[in-house]
Amino acid sequence: MEMQLSKLLYAIGILLLMSCKGTTKDNIQTITSTQQVKPHQDQIDFFNKKYFTTYNLAIDESNLSDHPYFSYLDCKNEGYFSVHFVPKEKDLQLFWSDDYYKKEDFNTYDFEKDNRKIEALIKNNLNAYNVFSYFIKKEYLDSKDGCTLESIWLTKNAIAEIFLYNLKTNEWELVKKKSSKILPPYADNNFFISHFPNLFVKQNKAVNEEKTFPSDLKGSWAVSCDNGLTTFNINKDEGLISLYGNSIYIKVQVEKRFENEYILKFKQIADQKDWVDTSLRITESEISKDKIIGKFFIKKDGKVELHWEGLYNIKKQKIDYTGKDFSLIRESDGENPILLEKC
């Protein structure tokens, strides 16, 4: 698993803004079947470190992607491709498309900080994504005006090759070829879901039905046992944690997934003060008890990485208590995952 993740972490670099020169997915016609093609020896490894680019959602000054991606352009050699991290489940799709940028001010936006933030959210949750590459070979690029993201065009007969990353074999598998009039970064959630619906349906079922085991955890963890304000207490299958300061506490369901890996789900409100602001108050019946709100990874040194995702509000169809709205993220200076020590 560590080798797989380290390979995927090579997919980091610098965002290049570009002008929108494509059309919608309706202008792409299938020219071959979806029969899987095994990788060739000379096939591009889209996660090779020389293709480093930045995890991002901003495509250009007026367009946002609805999922994280990175792209690479070289008109003389590889061509043009983008790698897309497309969520398998609807709630995670809504998080990236609707919630992630709600509080951002693009006048003071920090792309490097955003890259690190997106990387932290993706890297230990890869099973929640289908990872595709949308690849245009160099012969289908019209670069007479220069080979930049602002000047590049596609030829009339351009073909896109679509690859799916196999997390078990760490190989890219060609799953479809299509005529294309859109540049790679503009392939959105709907494009991949509409062309590979069975893949998403099957994966959704697999995620929801994944087997877990009774928790054997017992103890208390904190950002700092000496100076920390919030302690996460776990007693086997139940935990107690501050959701927001000393005003909202929740009970969480703790389930073991793999060795040293646990998932957390919302169980019920333990305490909620009357003076909590209306915008911060939660209604227990509106919070999903099935969705994973966090993951708990025990490291070799005994410390823990808590990957916090937030509470999924069924009524609002959005994830609440992300970022510094959550006590432990606020105590760790906004970092997520949160490094905890056992007290």
Protein backbone atom coordinates (compact mmCIF):
# COMPACT_ATOMS: atom_id res chain seq x y z
CA MET A 1 0.00 0.00 0.00
CA GLU A 2 2.86 2.40 0.84
CA MET A 3 4.49 1.79 -2.54
CA GLN A 4 1.20 2.47 -4.27
CA LEU A 5 0.66 5.71 -2.40
CA SER A 6 4.22 6.92 -2.92
CA LYS A 7 3.84 6.36 -6.63
CA LEU A 8 0.65 8.35 -6.71
CA LEU A 9 2.23 11.18 -4.74
CA TYR A 10 4.54 11.82 -7.68
CA ALA A 11 1.50 13.44 -9.30
CA ILE A 12 2.29 16.90 -7.87
CA GLY A 13 3.50 20.04 -9.69
CA ILE A 14 2.57 23.49 -11.00
CA LEU A 15 -0.84 24.57 -12.36
CA LEU A 16 -0.86 26.24 -15.78
CA LEU A 17 -3.97 28.27 -16.54
CA MET A 18 -5.54 27.90 -19.95
CA SER A 19 -8.33 29.25 -22.13
CA CYS A 20 -11.39 27.13 -22.73
CA LYS A 21 -11.32 25.86 -26.32
CA GLY A 22 -13.54 22.82 -26.15
CA THR A 23 -17.09 21.80 -26.58
CA THR A 24 -19.24 19.66 -24.35
CA LYS A 25 -19.13 15.90 -24.02
CA ASP A 26 -22.06 15.67 -26.43
CA ASN A 27 -19.60 16.33 -29.29
CA ILE A 28 -17.51 13.24 -28.51
CA GLN A 29 -18.44 10.07 -30.35
CA THR A 30 -17.38 6.53 -29.46
CA ILE A 31 -15.17 4.95 -32.11
CA THR A 32 -14.30 1.73 -30.26
CA SER A 33 -15.86 -0.48 -27.65
CA THR A 34 -15.04 -0.29 -23.96
CA GLN A 35 -13.13 -3.54 -24.14
CA GLN A 36 -10.14 -3.34 -21.82
CA VAL A 37 -6.71 -3.28 -23.44
CA LYS A 38 -3.70 -4.46 -21.47
CA PRO A 39 -0.83 -1.98 -21.00
CA HIS A 40 2.02 -1.96 -23.53
CA GLN A 41 5.67 -1.75 -22.49
CA ASP A 42 6.08 1.65 -24.15
CA GLN A 43 2.88 3.05 -22.64
CA ILE A 44 3.19 6.30 -20.71
CA ASP A 45 3.18 6.03 -16.94
CA PHE A 46 1.11 9.12 -16.16
CA PHE A 47 2.39 9.04 -12.55
CA ASN A 48 6.05 9.22 -13.59
CA LYS A 49 7.75 11.93 -11.52
CA LYS A 50 8.82 13.88 -14.63
CA TYR A 51 5.16 14.70 -15.27
CA PHE A 52 4.70 16.34 -11.85
CA THR A 53 1.88 18.84 -11.86
CA THR A 54 -0.31 20.36 -9.20
CA TYR A 55 -3.47 18.91 -7.75
CA ASN A 56 -6.05 21.52 -8.56
CA LEU A 57 -9.65 22.38 -9.34
CA ALA A 58 -9.08 25.63 -11.24
CA ILE A 59 -8.91 25.00 -15.00
CA ASP A 60 -8.72 28.62 -16.11
CA GLU A 61 -9.83 32.04 -14.88
CA SER A 62 -13.51 31.28 -15.39
CA ASN A 63 -13.81 27.49 -15.06
CA LEU A 64 -13.51 25.13 -12.10
CA SER A 65 -13.23 21.38 -12.37
CA ASP A 66 -15.76 19.38 -10.33
CA HIS A 67 -13.03 16.98 -9.13
CA PRO A 68 -9.25 17.18 -8.47
CA TYR A 69 -6.96 16.75 -11.48
CA PHE A 70 -3.52 17.58 -12.89
CA SER A 71 -2.37 18.01 -16.51
CA TYR A 72 0.78 17.85 -18.64
CA LEU A 73 1.60 19.22 -22.12
CA ASP A 74 4.58 18.43 -24.40
CA CYS A 75 3.91 18.84 -28.13
CA LYS A 76 7.19 17.19 -29.26
CA ASN A 77 7.05 14.06 -27.13
CA GLU A 78 4.14 12.72 -25.07
CA GLY A 79 1.34 15.06 -26.17
CA TYR A 80 -1.33 16.37 -23.81
CA PHE A 81 -2.99 14.52 -20.93
CA SER A 82 -4.85 15.14 -17.70
CA VAL A 83 -5.24 12.79 -14.74
CA HIS A 84 -8.65 12.91 -13.05
CA PHE A 85 -9.56 11.81 -9.51
CA VAL A 86 -13.30 11.20 -9.93
CA PRO A 87 -15.23 10.36 -6.73
CA LYS A 88 -17.16 7.11 -6.83
CA GLU A 89 -19.92 8.32 -4.50
CA LYS A 90 -22.35 11.19 -4.84
CA ASP A 91 -21.62 12.84 -1.49
CA LEU A 92 -17.90 13.10 -2.24
CA GLN A 93 -18.69 14.46 -5.70
CA LEU A 94 -20.81 17.16 -4.07
CA PHE A 95 -18.00 18.00 -1.66
CA TRP A 96 -15.57 18.78 -4.48
CA SER A 97 -18.05 20.43 -6.85
CA ASP A 98 -20.07 22.48 -4.34
CA ASP A 99 -18.37 22.81 -0.97
CA TYR A 100 -14.61 22.93 -1.40
CA TYR A 101 -14.28 26.47 -2.76
CA LYS A 102 -17.24 28.11 -1.05
CA LYS A 103 -15.13 30.13 1.37
CA GLU A 104 -12.23 30.89 -0.97
CA ASP A 105 -11.32 34.42 -2.08
CA PHE A 106 -9.70 34.13 -5.51
CA ASN A 107 -8.18 37.59 -5.17
CA THR A 108 -5.84 36.22 -2.49
CA TYR A 109 -5.81 32.57 -3.57
CA ASP A 110 -2.72 30.47 -2.75
CA PHE A 111 -2.33 27.68 -5.34
CA GLU A 112 0.61 26.01 -3.58
CA LYS A 113 -1.29 25.82 -0.30
CA ASP A 114 -4.30 24.45 -2.17
CA ASN A 115 -2.15 21.75 -3.75
CA ARG A 116 -1.06 20.52 -0.32
CA LYS A 117 -4.63 20.64 0.98
CA ILE A 118 -6.02 18.60 -1.92
CA GLU A 119 -3.14 16.12 -1.68
CA ALA A 120 -3.89 15.51 2.00
CA LEU A 121 -7.56 14.84 1.25
CA ILE A 122 -6.83 12.43 -1.60
CA LYS A 123 -3.70 10.47 -0.77
CA ASN A 124 -5.02 8.12 1.92
CA ASN A 125 -8.52 7.82 0.48
CA LEU A 126 -7.74 6.64 -3.05
CA ASN A 127 -10.24 3.78 -2.89
CA ALA A 128 -12.98 6.42 -2.93
CA TYR A 129 -11.92 7.55 -6.44
CA ASN A 130 -11.71 6.22 -9.97
CA VAL A 131 -8.45 7.61 -11.39
CA PHE A 132 -8.58 8.25 -15.15
CA SER A 133 -6.19 9.73 -17.68
CA TYR A 134 -7.58 11.59 -20.70
CA PHE A 135 -4.74 11.40 -23.25
CA ILE A 136 -4.28 13.13 -26.63
CA LYS A 137 -1.22 12.01 -28.60
CA LYS A 138 1.13 14.66 -30.05
CA GLU A 139 0.03 14.02 -33.66
CA TYR A 140 -3.46 15.31 -32.80
CA LEU A 141 -2.21 18.64 -31.45
CA ASP A 142 -2.29 21.79 -33.57
CA SER A 143 0.60 23.87 -32.22
CA LYS A 144 1.18 26.28 -35.11
CA ASP A 145 0.55 29.18 -32.70
CA GLY A 146 2.89 27.72 -30.09
CA CYS A 147 2.82 24.88 -27.57
CA THR A 148 1.24 26.50 -24.55
CA LEU A 149 -2.01 25.84 -22.74
CA GLU A 150 -3.30 29.15 -24.12
CA SER A 151 -2.40 28.49 -27.77
CA ILE A 152 -2.84 24.75 -28.30
CA TRP A 153 -5.71 23.34 -30.35
CA LEU A 154 -6.86 19.88 -31.40
CA THR A 155 -6.91 18.69 -35.00
CA LYS A 156 -10.25 17.78 -36.57
CA ASN A 157 -9.51 14.05 -36.37
CA ALA A 158 -8.21 14.10 -32.78
CA ILE A 159 -8.53 10.87 -30.81
CA ALA A 160 -8.62 10.67 -27.02
CA GLU A 161 -7.37 7.55 -25.28
CA ILE A 162 -8.90 7.03 -21.84
CA PHE A 163 -7.00 5.03 -19.25
CA LEU A 164 -8.10 3.77 -15.84
CA TYR A 165 -5.53 3.28 -13.06
CA ASN A 166 -5.70 -0.18 -11.48
CA LEU A 167 -5.00 0.28 -7.76
CA LYS A 168 -4.26 -3.42 -7.30
CA THR A 169 -1.67 -3.81 -10.06
CA ASN A 170 -0.43 -0.18 -10.17
CA GLU A 171 -0.94 -0.23 -13.95
CA TRP A 172 -2.78 2.04 -16.38
CA GLU A 173 -5.35 0.15 -18.47
CA LEU A 174 -6.73 1.51 -21.73
CA VAL A 175 -10.53 1.35 -21.43
CA LYS A 176 -11.76 3.44 -24.37
CA LYS A 177 -10.77 5.43 -27.46
CA LYS A 178 -12.95 8.29 -28.65
CA SER A 179 -12.91 11.13 -31.16
CA SER A 180 -12.49 14.33 -29.21
CA LYS A 181 -13.10 18.05 -29.56
CA ILE A 182 -12.38 18.95 -25.94
CA LEU A 183 -8.99 19.55 -24.38
CA PRO A 184 -8.15 17.06 -21.59
CA PRO A 185 -8.82 19.16 -18.45
CA TYR A 186 -12.43 19.76 -19.47
CA ALA A 187 -13.53 16.14 -19.02
CA ASP A 188 -15.89 16.40 -16.02
CA ASN A 189 -17.68 14.00 -13.66
CA ASN A 190 -20.59 13.55 -16.05
CA PHE A 191 -18.24 12.58 -18.87
CA PHE A 192 -16.71 9.69 -16.93
CA ILE A 193 -19.92 8.61 -15.21
CA SER A 194 -21.88 8.58 -18.49
CA HIS A 195 -19.22 6.57 -20.33
CA PHE A 196 -18.45 4.15 -17.48
CA PRO A 197 -21.73 3.91 -15.50
CA ASN A 198 -21.27 0.29 -14.46
CA LEU A 199 -17.89 1.06 -12.99
CA PHE A 200 -19.35 3.70 -10.70
CA VAL A 201 -22.44 1.65 -9.77
CA LYS A 202 -20.36 -1.41 -8.88
CA GLN A 203 -17.85 0.59 -6.89
CA ASN A 204 -20.59 2.39 -4.95
CA LYS A 205 -22.03 -0.95 -3.91
CA ALA A 206 -18.61 -2.29 -3.00
CA VAL A 207 -17.81 0.71 -0.81
CA ASN A 208 -21.16 0.63 0.98
CA GLU A 209 -20.96 -3.10 1.64
CA GLU A 210 -17.28 -3.29 2.59
CA LYS A 211 -16.77 -5.60 5.53
CA THR A 212 -15.64 -4.16 8.87
CA PHE A 213 -14.77 -5.77 12.20
CA PRO A 214 -15.38 -4.95 15.88
CA SER A 215 -13.05 -2.25 17.16
CA ASP A 216 -10.36 -3.16 19.69
CA LEU A 217 -9.22 0.43 20.36
CA LYS A 218 -9.12 1.85 23.86
CA GLY A 219 -7.49 5.12 24.92
CA SER A 220 -7.31 8.88 24.52
CA TRP A 221 -5.54 10.86 21.80
CA ALA A 222 -4.82 14.58 21.38
CA VAL A 223 -2.82 17.02 19.25
CA SER A 224 -0.79 17.65 22.40
CA CYS A 225 -1.49 15.75 25.60
CA ASP A 226 0.17 18.53 27.66
CA ASN A 227 -1.31 21.58 25.98
CA GLY A 228 -4.16 20.29 23.83
CA LEU A 229 -7.72 21.38 24.51
CA THR A 230 -9.50 18.46 22.83
CA THR A 231 -9.10 14.77 23.61
CA PHE A 232 -10.52 12.04 21.39
CA ASN A 233 -11.62 9.22 23.72
CA ILE A 234 -12.29 5.75 22.30
CA ASN A 235 -13.60 2.70 24.13
CA LYS A 236 -13.72 -0.14 21.60
CA ASP A 237 -16.67 0.55 19.27
CA GLU A 238 -17.62 3.99 20.60
CA GLY A 239 -15.77 7.27 20.77
CA LEU A 240 -16.45 10.74 22.21
CA ILE A 241 -15.05 13.87 20.60
CA SER A 242 -15.57 17.61 20.56
CA LEU A 243 -17.07 18.65 17.26
CA TYR A 244 -16.89 22.37 18.03
CA GLY A 245 -14.99 23.74 21.01
CA ASN A 246 -16.62 23.06 24.36
CA SER A 247 -20.10 23.53 22.96
CA ILE A 248 -20.83 20.48 20.77
CA TYR A 249 -19.75 16.91 21.52
CA ILE A 250 -20.68 13.86 19.47
CA LYS A 251 -20.48 10.10 19.92
CA VAL A 252 -18.90 8.23 17.01
CA GLN A 253 -19.14 4.62 15.89
CA VAL A 254 -15.67 3.06 15.56
CA GLU A 255 -15.19 0.13 13.15
CA LYS A 256 -12.01 -1.70 12.24
CA ARG A 257 -11.37 -1.99 8.50
CA PHE A 258 -7.79 -3.25 8.19
CA GLU A 259 -4.86 -3.74 10.52
CA ASN A 260 -4.18 -0.35 12.14
CA GLU A 261 -6.96 1.32 10.12
CA TYR A 262 -10.35 2.30 11.54
CA ILE A 263 -13.34 4.20 10.17
CA LEU A 264 -15.53 6.60 12.10
CA LYS A 265 -19.26 7.22 11.66
CA PHE A 266 -21.63 9.63 13.36
CA LYS A 267 -23.64 7.94 16.14
CA GLN A 268 -25.46 10.68 18.05
CA ILE A 269 -25.14 14.07 19.71
CA ALA A 270 -23.62 13.73 23.18
CA ASP A 271 -24.01 17.39 24.20
CA GLN A 272 -24.94 20.66 22.49
CA LYS A 273 -25.09 23.93 24.43
CA ASP A 274 -28.08 26.22 24.06
CA TRP A 275 -25.90 29.21 23.26
CA VAL A 276 -24.37 27.70 20.10
CA ASP A 277 -24.95 29.89 17.04
CA THR A 278 -27.86 28.77 14.85
CA SER A 279 -25.54 28.30 11.87
CA LEU A 280 -23.43 25.83 13.87
CA ARG A 281 -26.16 23.82 15.55
CA ILE A 282 -26.78 20.34 14.20
CA THR A 283 -30.01 18.36 14.04
CA GLU A 284 -29.27 14.73 14.78
CA SER A 285 -31.92 13.36 12.40
CA GLU A 286 -30.34 15.24 9.48
CA ILE A 287 -26.87 13.68 9.85
CA SER A 288 -26.07 10.45 8.00
CA LYS A 289 -25.08 7.54 10.23
CA ASP A 290 -23.86 5.51 7.25
CA LYS A 291 -21.30 7.87 5.73
CA ILE A 292 -17.71 7.77 6.94
CA ILE A 293 -16.84 10.98 8.80
CA GLY A 294 -13.17 10.15 9.35
CA LYS A 295 -10.43 7.53 9.23
CA PHE A 296 -8.02 6.64 12.01
CA PHE A 297 -4.57 5.31 10.98
CA ILE A 298 -2.19 4.01 13.69
CA LYS A 299 1.43 4.68 12.70
CA LYS A 300 4.49 2.58 13.58
CA ASP A 301 5.66 5.12 16.15
CA GLY A 302 2.35 4.84 18.03
CA LYS A 303 1.02 8.17 16.86
CA VAL A 304 -2.16 8.43 14.82
CA GLU A 305 -3.23 10.19 11.64
CA LEU A 306 -6.85 11.24 11.79
CA HIS A 307 -8.21 11.97 8.32
CA TRP A 308 -11.31 14.03 8.98
CA GLU A 309 -13.99 14.26 6.28
CA GLY A 310 -16.91 15.91 8.12
CA LEU A 311 -20.57 15.16 8.81
CA TYR A 312 -22.79 14.52 5.81
CA ASN A 313 -26.01 16.52 6.13
CA ILE A 314 -28.74 14.53 4.34
CA LYS A 315 -31.18 17.44 4.23
CA LYS A 316 -28.66 19.94 2.83
CA GLN A 317 -26.84 17.29 0.77
CA LYS A 318 -23.51 18.73 1.85
CA ILE A 319 -20.63 18.00 4.22
CA ASP A 320 -20.56 20.11 7.40
CA TYR A 321 -17.80 20.71 9.93
CA THR A 322 -14.86 20.59 7.55
CA GLY A 323 -11.71 22.66 8.03
CA LYS A 324 -11.36 24.75 11.19
CA ASP A 325 -15.03 24.25 12.05
CA PHE A 326 -13.79 20.96 13.54
CA SER A 327 -12.01 21.29 16.90
CA LEU A 328 -8.96 19.10 16.22
CA ILE A 329 -8.25 20.72 12.83
CA ARG A 330 -8.39 24.12 14.49
CA GLU A 331 -5.95 22.94 17.18
CA SER A 332 -3.55 21.58 14.53
CA ASP A 333 -3.37 24.97 12.75
CA GLY A 334 -5.72 23.88 9.98
CA GLU A 335 -3.81 20.73 9.03
CA ASN A 336 -5.73 17.70 7.81
CA PRO A 337 -4.80 14.86 8.30
CA ILE A 338 -4.32 15.59 11.99
CA LEU A 339 -1.36 14.03 13.81
CA LEU A 340 -2.39 12.84 17.29
CA GLU A 341 -0.39 11.41 20.18
CA LYS A 342 -1.69 8.90 22.67
CA CYS A 343 -2.18 10.34 26.15
